Full PDB file with SEQRES, HELIX, SHEET, SSBOND, CRYST1, ORIGX, SCALE, CONECT and MASTER records, all heavy atoms in Angstrom:
SEQRES   1 A   41  ILE ALA ALA SER LEU TYR LEU ARG ASN ALA ALA ASP GLU          
SEQRES   2 A   41  GLN VAL GLN GLU LEU PRO LEU VAL PHE GLN ILE ASN ASP          
SEQRES   3 A   41  TYR TRP THR VAL GLU HIS THR PHE THR GLU MET GLY LYS          
SEQRES   4 A   41  HIS SER                                                      
SHEET    1 AA1 2 SER A   4  ARG A   8  0                                        
SHEET    2 AA1 2 VAL A  15  PRO A  19 -1                                        
SHEET    1 AA2 2 VAL A  21  ILE A  24  0                                        
SHEET    2 AA2 2 TYR A  27  THR A  29 -1                                        
CRYST1    1.000    1.000    1.000  90.00  90.00  90.00 P 1           1          
ORIGX1      1.000000  0.000000  0.000000        0.00000                         
ORIGX2      0.000000  1.000000  0.000000        0.00000                         
ORIGX3      0.000000  0.000000  1.000000        0.00000                         
SCALE1      1.000000  0.000000  0.000000        0.00000                         
SCALE2      0.000000  1.000000  0.000000        0.00000                         
SCALE3      0.000000  0.000000  1.000000        0.00000                         
ATOM      1  N   ILE A   1     101.266  87.774 120.785  1.00  0.00           N  
ATOM      2  CA  ILE A   1      99.987  87.700 120.072  1.00  0.00           C  
ATOM      3  C   ILE A   1      98.862  87.489 121.076  1.00  0.00           C  
ATOM      4  O   ILE A   1      99.100  87.149 122.241  1.00  0.00           O  
ATOM      5  CB  ILE A   1      99.971  86.584 119.020  1.00  0.00           C  
ATOM      6  CG1 ILE A   1     100.131  85.211 119.707  1.00  0.00           C  
ATOM      7  CG2 ILE A   1     101.062  86.767 117.980  1.00  0.00           C  
ATOM      8  CD1 ILE A   1      99.934  84.045 118.750  1.00  0.00           C  
ATOM      9  N   ALA A   2      97.650  87.690 120.635  1.00  0.00           N  
ATOM     10  CA  ALA A   2      96.448  87.432 121.440  1.00  0.00           C  
ATOM     11  C   ALA A   2      95.445  86.710 120.578  1.00  0.00           C  
ATOM     12  O   ALA A   2      95.498  86.770 119.362  1.00  0.00           O  
ATOM     13  CB  ALA A   2      95.877  88.738 121.989  1.00  0.00           C  
ATOM     14  N   ALA A   3      94.534  86.007 121.219  1.00  0.00           N  
ATOM     15  CA  ALA A   3      93.529  85.243 120.469  1.00  0.00           C  
ATOM     16  C   ALA A   3      92.274  85.139 121.288  1.00  0.00           C  
ATOM     17  O   ALA A   3      92.300  85.147 122.540  1.00  0.00           O  
ATOM     18  CB  ALA A   3      94.056  83.843 120.117  1.00  0.00           C  
ATOM     19  N   SER A   4      91.142  85.049 120.609  1.00  0.00           N  
ATOM     20  CA  SER A   4      89.835  84.912 121.265  1.00  0.00           C  
ATOM     21  C   SER A   4      88.952  83.931 120.528  1.00  0.00           C  
ATOM     22  O   SER A   4      89.059  83.756 119.308  1.00  0.00           O  
ATOM     23  CB  SER A   4      89.117  86.275 121.317  1.00  0.00           C  
ATOM     24  OG  SER A   4      89.661  87.133 122.310  1.00  0.00           O  
ATOM     25  N   LEU A   5      88.088  83.278 121.303  1.00  0.00           N  
ATOM     26  CA  LEU A   5      87.037  82.455 120.772  1.00  0.00           C  
ATOM     27  C   LEU A   5      85.767  83.297 120.670  1.00  0.00           C  
ATOM     28  O   LEU A   5      85.451  84.063 121.589  1.00  0.00           O  
ATOM     29  CB  LEU A   5      86.766  81.266 121.695  1.00  0.00           C  
ATOM     30  CG  LEU A   5      85.485  80.465 121.418  1.00  0.00           C  
ATOM     31  CD1 LEU A   5      85.618  79.596 120.180  1.00  0.00           C  
ATOM     32  CD2 LEU A   5      85.116  79.603 122.626  1.00  0.00           C  
ATOM     33  N   TYR A   6      85.071  83.187 119.554  1.00  0.00           N  
ATOM     34  CA  TYR A   6      83.803  83.896 119.387  1.00  0.00           C  
ATOM     35  C   TYR A   6      82.678  82.848 119.245  1.00  0.00           C  
ATOM     36  O   TYR A   6      82.778  81.930 118.433  1.00  0.00           O  
ATOM     37  CB  TYR A   6      83.848  84.800 118.154  1.00  0.00           C  
ATOM     38  CG  TYR A   6      84.692  86.020 118.343  1.00  0.00           C  
ATOM     39  CD1 TYR A   6      86.078  85.970 118.097  1.00  0.00           C  
ATOM     40  CD2 TYR A   6      84.169  87.220 118.802  1.00  0.00           C  
ATOM     41  CE1 TYR A   6      86.881  87.056 118.316  1.00  0.00           C  
ATOM     42  CE2 TYR A   6      84.965  88.325 119.005  1.00  0.00           C  
ATOM     43  CZ  TYR A   6      86.328  88.238 118.758  1.00  0.00           C  
ATOM     44  OH  TYR A   6      87.130  89.353 118.958  1.00  0.00           O  
ATOM     45  N   LEU A   7      81.654  83.019 120.071  1.00  0.00           N  
ATOM     46  CA  LEU A   7      80.501  82.116 120.070  1.00  0.00           C  
ATOM     47  C   LEU A   7      79.261  82.906 119.667  1.00  0.00           C  
ATOM     48  O   LEU A   7      78.947  83.926 120.291  1.00  0.00           O  
ATOM     49  CB  LEU A   7      80.285  81.505 121.450  1.00  0.00           C  
ATOM     50  CG  LEU A   7      81.191  80.355 121.878  1.00  0.00           C  
ATOM     51  CD1 LEU A   7      81.013  80.076 123.369  1.00  0.00           C  
ATOM     52  CD2 LEU A   7      80.884  79.106 121.083  1.00  0.00           C  
ATOM     53  N   ARG A   8      78.550  82.423 118.633  1.00  0.00           N  
ATOM     54  CA  ARG A   8      77.298  83.029 118.264  1.00  0.00           C  
ATOM     55  C   ARG A   8      76.157  82.140 118.754  1.00  0.00           C  
ATOM     56  O   ARG A   8      76.050  80.980 118.360  1.00  0.00           O  
ATOM     57  CB  ARG A   8      77.185  83.248 116.770  1.00  0.00           C  
ATOM     58  CG  ARG A   8      75.817  83.867 116.385  1.00  0.00           C  
ATOM     59  CD  ARG A   8      75.634  84.016 114.884  1.00  0.00           C  
ATOM     60  NE  ARG A   8      76.473  85.058 114.330  1.00  0.00           N  
ATOM     61  CZ  ARG A   8      77.436  84.869 113.460  1.00  0.00           C  
ATOM     62  NH1 ARG A   8      77.693  83.641 113.040  1.00  0.00           N  
ATOM     63  NH2 ARG A   8      78.128  85.868 112.991  1.00  0.00           N  
ATOM     64  N   ASN A   9      75.338  82.667 119.633  1.00  0.00           N  
ATOM     65  CA  ASN A   9      74.228  81.915 120.219  1.00  0.00           C  
ATOM     66  C   ASN A   9      73.214  81.539 119.158  1.00  0.00           C  
ATOM     67  O   ASN A   9      72.865  82.360 118.301  1.00  0.00           O  
ATOM     68  CB  ASN A   9      73.564  82.740 121.337  1.00  0.00           C  
ATOM     69  CG  ASN A   9      72.540  81.952 122.092  1.00  0.00           C  
ATOM     70  OD1 ASN A   9      71.474  81.656 121.602  1.00  0.00           O  
ATOM     71  ND2 ASN A   9      72.884  81.599 123.329  1.00  0.00           N  
ATOM     72  N   ALA A  10      72.738  80.308 119.194  1.00  0.00           N  
ATOM     73  CA  ALA A  10      71.809  79.828 118.190  1.00  0.00           C  
ATOM     74  C   ALA A  10      70.472  80.535 118.266  1.00  0.00           C  
ATOM     75  O   ALA A  10      69.786  80.721 117.258  1.00  0.00           O  
ATOM     76  CB  ALA A  10      71.603  78.326 118.348  1.00  0.00           C  
ATOM     77  N   ALA A  11      70.067  80.936 119.469  1.00  0.00           N  
ATOM     78  CA  ALA A  11      68.722  81.486 119.649  1.00  0.00           C  
ATOM     79  C   ALA A  11      68.617  82.945 119.266  1.00  0.00           C  
ATOM     80  O   ALA A  11      67.753  83.351 118.479  1.00  0.00           O  
ATOM     81  CB  ALA A  11      68.255  81.287 121.071  1.00  0.00           C  
ATOM     82  N   ASP A  12      69.506  83.775 119.814  1.00  0.00           N  
ATOM     83  CA  ASP A  12      69.342  85.233 119.615  1.00  0.00           C  
ATOM     84  C   ASP A  12      70.453  85.851 118.788  1.00  0.00           C  
ATOM     85  O   ASP A  12      70.491  87.100 118.623  1.00  0.00           O  
ATOM     86  CB  ASP A  12      69.293  85.909 120.987  1.00  0.00           C  
ATOM     87  CG  ASP A  12      70.503  85.626 121.856  1.00  0.00           C  
ATOM     88  OD1 ASP A  12      71.536  85.192 121.311  1.00  0.00           O  
ATOM     89  OD2 ASP A  12      70.427  85.809 123.092  1.00  0.00           O  
ATOM     90  N   GLU A  13      71.360  85.030 118.223  1.00  0.00           N  
ATOM     91  CA  GLU A  13      72.425  85.530 117.359  1.00  0.00           C  
ATOM     92  C   GLU A  13      73.421  86.441 118.053  1.00  0.00           C  
ATOM     93  O   GLU A  13      74.246  87.090 117.424  1.00  0.00           O  
ATOM     94  CB  GLU A  13      71.831  86.275 116.142  1.00  0.00           C  
ATOM     95  CG  GLU A  13      71.078  85.391 115.179  1.00  0.00           C  
ATOM     96  CD  GLU A  13      71.961  84.385 114.450  1.00  0.00           C  
ATOM     97  OE1 GLU A  13      72.957  84.804 113.845  1.00  0.00           O  
ATOM     98  OE2 GLU A  13      71.684  83.201 114.506  1.00  0.00           O  
ATOM     99  N   GLN A  14      73.357  86.498 119.388  1.00  0.00           N  
ATOM    100  CA  GLN A  14      74.306  87.304 120.112  1.00  0.00           C  
ATOM    101  C   GLN A  14      75.686  86.657 120.074  1.00  0.00           C  
ATOM    102  O   GLN A  14      75.815  85.420 120.170  1.00  0.00           O  
ATOM    103  CB  GLN A  14      73.864  87.475 121.597  1.00  0.00           C  
ATOM    104  CG  GLN A  14      72.613  88.341 121.769  1.00  0.00           C  
ATOM    105  CD  GLN A  14      72.844  89.767 121.364  1.00  0.00           C  
ATOM    106  OE1 GLN A  14      73.814  90.390 121.767  1.00  0.00           O  
ATOM    107  NE2 GLN A  14      71.951  90.287 120.509  1.00  0.00           N  
ATOM    108  N   VAL A  15      76.745  87.471 119.934  1.00  0.00           N  
ATOM    109  CA  VAL A  15      78.102  86.959 119.844  1.00  0.00           C  
ATOM    110  C   VAL A  15      78.850  87.259 121.139  1.00  0.00           C  
ATOM    111  O   VAL A  15      78.811  88.387 121.638  1.00  0.00           O  
ATOM    112  CB  VAL A  15      78.851  87.600 118.646  1.00  0.00           C  
ATOM    113  CG1 VAL A  15      80.316  87.120 118.640  1.00  0.00           C  
ATOM    114  CG2 VAL A  15      78.170  87.214 117.347  1.00  0.00           C  
ATOM    115  N   GLN A  16      79.481  86.245 121.684  1.00  0.00           N  
ATOM    116  CA  GLN A  16      80.241  86.383 122.921  1.00  0.00           C  
ATOM    117  C   GLN A  16      81.714  86.135 122.631  1.00  0.00           C  
ATOM    118  O   GLN A  16      82.070  85.205 121.921  1.00  0.00           O  
ATOM    119  CB  GLN A  16      79.746  85.354 123.940  1.00  0.00           C  
ATOM    120  CG  GLN A  16      80.443  85.379 125.271  1.00  0.00           C  
ATOM    121  CD  GLN A  16      79.902  84.319 126.242  1.00  0.00           C  
ATOM    122  OE1 GLN A  16      79.087  83.494 125.869  1.00  0.00           O  
ATOM    123  NE2 GLN A  16      80.380  84.360 127.468  1.00  0.00           N  
ATOM    124  N   GLU A  17      82.574  86.998 123.151  1.00  0.00           N  
ATOM    125  CA  GLU A  17      84.029  86.824 123.001  1.00  0.00           C  
ATOM    126  C   GLU A  17      84.608  86.269 124.276  1.00  0.00           C  
ATOM    127  O   GLU A  17      84.383  86.747 125.375  1.00  0.00           O  
ATOM    128  CB  GLU A  17      84.718  88.163 122.685  1.00  0.00           C  
ATOM    129  CG  GLU A  17      86.232  88.027 122.562  1.00  0.00           C  
ATOM    130  CD  GLU A  17      86.940  89.348 122.321  1.00  0.00           C  
ATOM    131  OE1 GLU A  17      86.271  90.404 122.337  1.00  0.00           O  
ATOM    132  OE2 GLU A  17      88.180  89.333 122.161  1.00  0.00           O  
ATOM    133  N   LEU A  18      85.416  85.178 124.122  1.00  0.00           N  
ATOM    134  CA  LEU A  18      86.082  84.552 125.248  1.00  0.00           C  
ATOM    135  C   LEU A  18      87.584  84.522 124.945  1.00  0.00           C  
ATOM    136  O   LEU A  18      88.036  83.816 124.018  1.00  0.00           O  
ATOM    137  CB  LEU A  18      85.589  83.135 125.480  1.00  0.00           C  
ATOM    138  CG  LEU A  18      84.104  82.967 125.811  1.00  0.00           C  
ATOM    139  CD1 LEU A  18      83.739  81.483 125.852  1.00  0.00           C  
ATOM    140  CD2 LEU A  18      83.771  83.624 127.141  1.00  0.00           C  
ATOM    141  N   PRO A  19      88.422  85.307 125.664  1.00  0.00           N  
ATOM    142  CA  PRO A  19      89.836  85.307 125.393  1.00  0.00           C  
ATOM    143  C   PRO A  19      90.435  83.921 125.600  1.00  0.00           C  
ATOM    144  O   PRO A  19      90.166  83.244 126.596  1.00  0.00           O  
ATOM    145  CB  PRO A  19      90.391  86.311 126.399  1.00  0.00           C  
ATOM    146  CG  PRO A  19      89.256  87.203 126.722  1.00  0.00           C  
ATOM    147  CD  PRO A  19      88.039  86.301 126.681  1.00  0.00           C  
ATOM    148  N   LEU A  20      91.244  83.485 124.636  1.00  0.00           N  
ATOM    149  CA  LEU A  20      91.959  82.230 124.779  1.00  0.00           C  
ATOM    150  C   LEU A  20      93.174  82.410 125.692  1.00  0.00           C  
ATOM    151  O   LEU A  20      93.746  83.499 125.767  1.00  0.00           O  
ATOM    152  CB  LEU A  20      92.431  81.734 123.419  1.00  0.00           C  
ATOM    153  CG  LEU A  20      91.344  81.182 122.478  1.00  0.00           C  
ATOM    154  CD1 LEU A  20      91.860  81.097 121.060  1.00  0.00           C  
ATOM    155  CD2 LEU A  20      90.896  79.797 122.931  1.00  0.00           C  
ATOM    156  N   VAL A  21      93.537  81.334 126.380  1.00  0.00           N  
ATOM    157  CA  VAL A  21      94.654  81.348 127.319  1.00  0.00           C  
ATOM    158  C   VAL A  21      95.801  80.501 126.773  1.00  0.00           C  
ATOM    159  O   VAL A  21      95.593  79.347 126.396  1.00  0.00           O  
ATOM    160  CB  VAL A  21      94.228  80.831 128.696  1.00  0.00           C  
ATOM    161  CG1 VAL A  21      95.418  80.849 129.656  1.00  0.00           C  
ATOM    162  CG2 VAL A  21      93.073  81.691 129.258  1.00  0.00           C  
ATOM    163  N   PHE A  22      96.994  81.089 126.685  1.00  0.00           N  
ATOM    164  CA  PHE A  22      98.170  80.352 126.228  1.00  0.00           C  
ATOM    165  C   PHE A  22      98.515  79.245 127.203  1.00  0.00           C  
ATOM    166  O   PHE A  22      98.553  79.441 128.405  1.00  0.00           O  
ATOM    167  CB  PHE A  22      99.345  81.318 126.065  1.00  0.00           C  
ATOM    168  CG  PHE A  22     100.635  80.621 125.715  1.00  0.00           C  
ATOM    169  CD1 PHE A  22     100.879  80.236 124.397  1.00  0.00           C  
ATOM    170  CD2 PHE A  22     101.588  80.324 126.665  1.00  0.00           C  
ATOM    171  CE1 PHE A  22     102.090  79.591 124.047  1.00  0.00           C  
ATOM    172  CE2 PHE A  22     102.768  79.702 126.333  1.00  0.00           C  
ATOM    173  CZ  PHE A  22     103.020  79.315 125.043  1.00  0.00           C  
ATOM    174  N   GLN A  23      98.781  78.042 126.660  1.00  0.00           N  
ATOM    175  CA  GLN A  23      99.163  76.913 127.503  1.00  0.00           C  
ATOM    176  C   GLN A  23     100.638  76.578 127.344  1.00  0.00           C  
ATOM    177  O   GLN A  23     101.453  76.820 128.219  1.00  0.00           O  
ATOM    178  CB  GLN A  23      98.273  75.700 127.177  1.00  0.00           C  
ATOM    179  CG  GLN A  23      96.806  75.919 127.374  1.00  0.00           C  
ATOM    180  CD  GLN A  23      96.418  76.189 128.816  1.00  0.00           C  
ATOM    181  OE1 GLN A  23      97.090  75.742 129.743  1.00  0.00           O  
ATOM    182  NE2 GLN A  23      95.341  76.953 129.008  1.00  0.00           N  
ATOM    183  N   ILE A  24     101.010  76.048 126.171  1.00  0.00           N  
ATOM    184  CA  ILE A  24     102.384  75.644 125.908  1.00  0.00           C  
ATOM    185  C   ILE A  24     102.541  75.418 124.404  1.00  0.00           C  
ATOM    186  O   ILE A  24     101.581  75.011 123.724  1.00  0.00           O  
ATOM    187  CB  ILE A  24     102.761  74.379 126.684  1.00  0.00           C  
ATOM    188  CG1 ILE A  24     104.257  74.098 126.579  1.00  0.00           C  
ATOM    189  CG2 ILE A  24     101.941  73.191 126.223  1.00  0.00           C  
ATOM    190  CD1 ILE A  24     104.732  72.945 127.487  1.00  0.00           C  
ATOM    191  N   ASN A  25     103.707  75.728 123.860  1.00  0.00           N  
ATOM    192  CA  ASN A  25     104.016  75.420 122.471  1.00  0.00           C  
ATOM    193  C   ASN A  25     102.964  75.910 121.501  1.00  0.00           C  
ATOM    194  O   ASN A  25     102.450  75.157 120.641  1.00  0.00           O  
ATOM    195  CB  ASN A  25     104.219  73.920 122.272  1.00  0.00           C  
ATOM    196  CG  ASN A  25     105.485  73.427 122.947  1.00  0.00           C  
ATOM    197  OD1 ASN A  25     106.411  74.208 123.206  1.00  0.00           O  
ATOM    198  ND2 ASN A  25     105.554  72.129 123.218  1.00  0.00           N  
ATOM    199  N   ASP A  26     102.555  77.181 121.643  1.00  0.00           N  
ATOM    200  CA  ASP A  26     101.586  77.829 120.758  1.00  0.00           C  
ATOM    201  C   ASP A  26     100.203  77.230 120.828  1.00  0.00           C  
ATOM    202  O   ASP A  26      99.377  77.392 119.919  1.00  0.00           O  
ATOM    203  CB  ASP A  26     102.090  77.807 119.282  1.00  0.00           C  
ATOM    204  CG  ASP A  26     103.420  78.526 119.111  1.00  0.00           C  
ATOM    205  OD1 ASP A  26     103.540  79.629 119.666  1.00  0.00           O  
ATOM    206  OD2 ASP A  26     104.311  77.978 118.453  1.00  0.00           O  
ATOM    207  N   TYR A  27      99.940  76.505 121.896  1.00  0.00           N  
ATOM    208  CA  TYR A  27      98.623  75.865 122.115  1.00  0.00           C  
ATOM    209  C   TYR A  27      97.809  76.732 123.065  1.00  0.00           C  
ATOM    210  O   TYR A  27      98.236  77.066 124.163  1.00  0.00           O  
ATOM    211  CB  TYR A  27      98.823  74.462 122.687  1.00  0.00           C  
ATOM    212  CG  TYR A  27      97.558  73.696 122.985  1.00  0.00           C  
ATOM    213  CD1 TYR A  27      96.726  73.271 121.949  1.00  0.00           C  
ATOM    214  CD2 TYR A  27      97.221  73.400 124.305  1.00  0.00           C  
ATOM    215  CE1 TYR A  27      95.575  72.534 122.244  1.00  0.00           C  
ATOM    216  CE2 TYR A  27      96.063  72.670 124.595  1.00  0.00           C  
ATOM    217  CZ  TYR A  27      95.245  72.253 123.549  1.00  0.00           C  
ATOM    218  OH  TYR A  27      94.104  71.550 123.846  1.00  0.00           O  
ATOM    219  N   TRP A  28      96.588  77.113 122.631  1.00  0.00           N  
ATOM    220  CA  TRP A  28      95.742  78.011 123.381  1.00  0.00           C  
ATOM    221  C   TRP A  28      94.392  77.343 123.643  1.00  0.00           C  
ATOM    222  O   TRP A  28      93.889  76.594 122.810  1.00  0.00           O  
ATOM    223  CB  TRP A  28      95.497  79.310 122.591  1.00  0.00           C  
ATOM    224  CG  TRP A  28      96.708  80.110 122.277  1.00  0.00           C  
ATOM    225  CD1 TRP A  28      97.766  79.774 121.491  1.00  0.00           C  
ATOM    226  CD2 TRP A  28      97.013  81.441 122.770  1.00  0.00           C  
ATOM    227  NE1 TRP A  28      98.693  80.768 121.450  1.00  0.00           N  
ATOM    228  CE2 TRP A  28      98.240  81.813 122.198  1.00  0.00           C  
ATOM    229  CE3 TRP A  28      96.326  82.345 123.591  1.00  0.00           C  
ATOM    230  CZ2 TRP A  28      98.820  83.063 122.451  1.00  0.00           C  
ATOM    231  CZ3 TRP A  28      96.906  83.585 123.837  1.00  0.00           C  
ATOM    232  CH2 TRP A  28      98.138  83.932 123.281  1.00  0.00           C  
ATOM    233  N   THR A  29      93.781  77.628 124.787  1.00  0.00           N  
ATOM    234  CA  THR A  29      92.500  77.005 125.140  1.00  0.00           C  
ATOM    235  C   THR A  29      91.611  77.982 125.888  1.00  0.00           C  
ATOM    236  O   THR A  29      92.080  78.962 126.473  1.00  0.00           O  
ATOM    237  CB  THR A  29      92.673  75.752 126.018  1.00  0.00           C  
ATOM    238  OG1 THR A  29      93.193  76.156 127.291  1.00  0.00           O  
ATOM    239  CG2 THR A  29      93.583  74.742 125.372  1.00  0.00           C  
ATOM    240  N   VAL A  30      90.311  77.653 125.901  1.00  0.00           N  
ATOM    241  CA  VAL A  30      89.342  78.304 126.774  1.00  0.00           C  
ATOM    242  C   VAL A  30      88.171  77.343 126.940  1.00  0.00           C  
ATOM    243  O   VAL A  30      87.851  76.581 126.011  1.00  0.00           O  
ATOM    244  CB  VAL A  30      88.885  79.660 126.207  1.00  0.00           C  
ATOM    245  CG1 VAL A  30      88.049  79.476 124.939  1.00  0.00           C  
ATOM    246  CG2 VAL A  30      88.056  80.422 127.257  1.00  0.00           C  
ATOM    247  N   GLU A  31      87.538  77.340 128.079  1.00  0.00           N  
ATOM    248  CA  GLU A  31      86.385  76.470 128.351  1.00  0.00           C  
ATOM    249  C   GLU A  31      85.098  77.297 128.388  1.00  0.00           C  
ATOM    250  O   GLU A  31      85.097  78.472 128.793  1.00  0.00           O  
ATOM    251  CB  GLU A  31      86.562  75.691 129.653  1.00  0.00           C  
ATOM    252  CG  GLU A  31      87.664  74.673 129.605  1.00  0.00           C  
ATOM    253  CD  GLU A  31      87.707  73.822 130.876  1.00  0.00           C  
ATOM    254  OE1 GLU A  31      87.164  74.285 131.918  1.00  0.00           O  
ATOM    255  OE2 GLU A  31      88.263  72.718 130.846  1.00  0.00           O  
ATOM    256  N   HIS A  32      84.019  76.651 127.982  1.00  0.00           N  
ATOM    257  CA  HIS A  32      82.702  77.295 128.020  1.00  0.00           C  
ATOM    258  C   HIS A  32      81.655  76.250 128.379  1.00  0.00           C  
ATOM    259  O   HIS A  32      81.674  75.135 127.845  1.00  0.00           O  
ATOM    260  CB  HIS A  32      82.373  77.946 126.687  1.00  0.00           C  
ATOM    261  CG  HIS A  32      81.026  78.604 126.674  1.00  0.00           C  
ATOM    262  ND1 HIS A  32      80.778  79.794 127.326  1.00  0.00           N  
ATOM    263  CD2 HIS A  32      79.850  78.251 126.080  1.00  0.00           C  
ATOM    264  CE1 HIS A  32      79.532  80.154 127.154  1.00  0.00           C  
ATOM    265  NE2 HIS A  32      78.941  79.229 126.402  1.00  0.00           N  
ATOM    266  N   THR A  33      80.730  76.612 129.258  1.00  0.00           N  
ATOM    267  CA  THR A  33      79.629  75.753 129.650  1.00  0.00           C  
ATOM    268  C   THR A  33      78.367  76.195 128.934  1.00  0.00           C  
ATOM    269  O   THR A  33      77.962  77.370 129.040  1.00  0.00           O  
ATOM    270  CB  THR A  33      79.406  75.760 131.144  1.00  0.00           C  
ATOM    271  OG1 THR A  33      80.627  75.334 131.811  1.00  0.00           O  
ATOM    272  CG2 THR A  33      78.273  74.825 131.565  1.00  0.00           C  
ATOM    273  N   PHE A  34      77.735  75.300 128.206  1.00  0.00           N  
ATOM    274  CA  PHE A  34      76.564  75.654 127.421  1.00  0.00           C  
ATOM    275  C   PHE A  34      75.279  75.459 128.214  1.00  0.00           C  
ATOM    276  O   PHE A  34      75.112  74.475 128.946  1.00  0.00           O  
ATOM    277  CB  PHE A  34      76.511  74.779 126.145  1.00  0.00           C  
ATOM    278  CG  PHE A  34      77.527  75.166 125.127  1.00  0.00           C  
ATOM    279  CD1 PHE A  34      78.791  74.568 125.112  1.00  0.00           C  
ATOM    280  CD2 PHE A  34      77.262  76.148 124.186  1.00  0.00           C  
ATOM    281  CE1 PHE A  34      79.735  74.899 124.174  1.00  0.00           C  
ATOM    282  CE2 PHE A  34      78.217  76.522 123.263  1.00  0.00           C  
ATOM    283  CZ  PHE A  34      79.456  75.897 123.256  1.00  0.00           C  
ATOM    284  N   THR A  35      74.357  76.408 128.045  1.00  0.00           N  
ATOM    285  CA  THR A  35      73.111  76.376 128.794  1.00  0.00           C  
ATOM    286  C   THR A  35      71.874  76.413 127.889  1.00  0.00           C  
ATOM    287  O   THR A  35      70.767  76.319 128.386  1.00  0.00           O  
ATOM    288  CB  THR A  35      73.032  77.584 129.746  1.00  0.00           C  
ATOM    289  OG1 THR A  35      73.139  78.797 129.010  1.00  0.00           O  
ATOM    290  CG2 THR A  35      74.151  77.516 130.783  1.00  0.00           C  
ATOM    291  N   GLU A  36      72.077  76.528 126.573  1.00  0.00           N  
ATOM    292  CA  GLU A  36      70.941  76.597 125.664  1.00  0.00           C  
ATOM    293  C   GLU A  36      71.121  75.636 124.491  1.00  0.00           C  
ATOM    294  O   GLU A  36      72.216  75.456 123.968  1.00  0.00           O  
ATOM    295  CB  GLU A  36      70.804  78.026 125.094  1.00  0.00           C  
ATOM    296  CG  GLU A  36      70.456  79.048 126.170  1.00  0.00           C  
ATOM    297  CD  GLU A  36      70.223  80.426 125.573  1.00  0.00           C  
ATOM    298  OE1 GLU A  36      70.206  80.538 124.351  1.00  0.00           O  
ATOM    299  OE2 GLU A  36      70.073  81.394 126.343  1.00  0.00           O  
ATOM    300  N   MET A  37      70.015  74.982 124.088  1.00  0.00           N  
ATOM    301  CA  MET A  37      70.047  74.068 122.946  1.00  0.00           C  
ATOM    302  C   MET A  37      70.183  74.852 121.643  1.00  0.00           C  
ATOM    303  O   MET A  37      69.910  76.036 121.560  1.00  0.00           O  
ATOM    304  CB  MET A  37      68.741  73.235 122.925  1.00  0.00           C  
ATOM    305  CG  MET A  37      68.633  72.226 124.029  1.00  0.00           C  
ATOM    306  SD  MET A  37      67.027  71.382 124.045  1.00  0.00           S  
ATOM    307  CE  MET A  37      66.964  70.681 122.383  1.00  0.00           C  
ATOM    308  N   GLY A  38      70.621  74.111 120.610  1.00  0.00           N  
ATOM    309  CA  GLY A  38      70.700  74.698 119.299  1.00  0.00           C  
ATOM    310  C   GLY A  38      72.062  74.572 118.690  1.00  0.00           C  
ATOM    311  O   GLY A  38      73.041  74.169 119.355  1.00  0.00           O  
ATOM    312  N   LYS A  39      72.187  74.955 117.408  1.00  0.00           N  
ATOM    313  CA  LYS A  39      73.462  74.936 116.724  1.00  0.00           C  
ATOM    314  C   LYS A  39      74.144  76.281 116.896  1.00  0.00           C  
ATOM    315  O   LYS A  39      73.723  77.289 116.299  1.00  0.00           O  
ATOM    316  CB  LYS A  39      73.275  74.610 115.241  1.00  0.00           C  
ATOM    317  CG  LYS A  39      72.948  73.146 114.976  1.00  0.00           C  
ATOM    318  CD  LYS A  39      72.861  72.842 113.502  1.00  0.00           C  
ATOM    319  CE  LYS A  39      72.570  71.356 113.255  1.00  0.00           C  
ATOM    320  NZ  LYS A  39      72.440  71.044 111.814  1.00  0.00           N  
ATOM    321  N   HIS A  40      75.192  76.307 117.680  1.00  0.00           N  
ATOM    322  CA  HIS A  40      75.944  77.521 117.935  1.00  0.00           C  
ATOM    323  C   HIS A  40      77.123  77.582 116.958  1.00  0.00           C  
ATOM    324  O   HIS A  40      77.781  76.569 116.709  1.00  0.00           O  
ATOM    325  CB  HIS A  40      76.477  77.545 119.372  1.00  0.00           C  
ATOM    326  CG  HIS A  40      75.395  77.456 120.406  1.00  0.00           C  
ATOM    327  ND1 HIS A  40      75.020  78.520 121.195  1.00  0.00           N  
ATOM    328  CD2 HIS A  40      74.586  76.437 120.775  1.00  0.00           C  
ATOM    329  CE1 HIS A  40      74.052  78.172 122.005  1.00  0.00           C  
ATOM    330  NE2 HIS A  40      73.768  76.896 121.772  1.00  0.00           N  
ATOM    331  N   SER A  41      77.414  78.780 116.447  1.00  0.00           N  
ATOM    332  CA  SER A  41      78.546  78.973 115.586  1.00  0.00           C  
ATOM    333  C   SER A  41      79.742  79.422 116.445  1.00  0.00           C  
ATOM    334  O   SER A  41      79.576  80.100 117.455  1.00  0.00           O  
ATOM    335  CB  SER A  41      78.268  80.010 114.523  1.00  0.00           C  
ATOM    336  OG  SER A  41      77.174  79.644 113.712  1.00  0.00           O  
TER     337      SER A  41                                                      
MASTER        0    0    0    0    4    0    0    6  336    1    0    4          
END                                                                             
């Protein structure tokens, strides 16, 4: 299987896809550093 995180920017509504990385026991993660204020979806 594959999985991705989707982030919608609060300011311009642009959507960014970040592929999740498998870790162990069906646990997946990805890190993101935020640079803009606001409520991101």
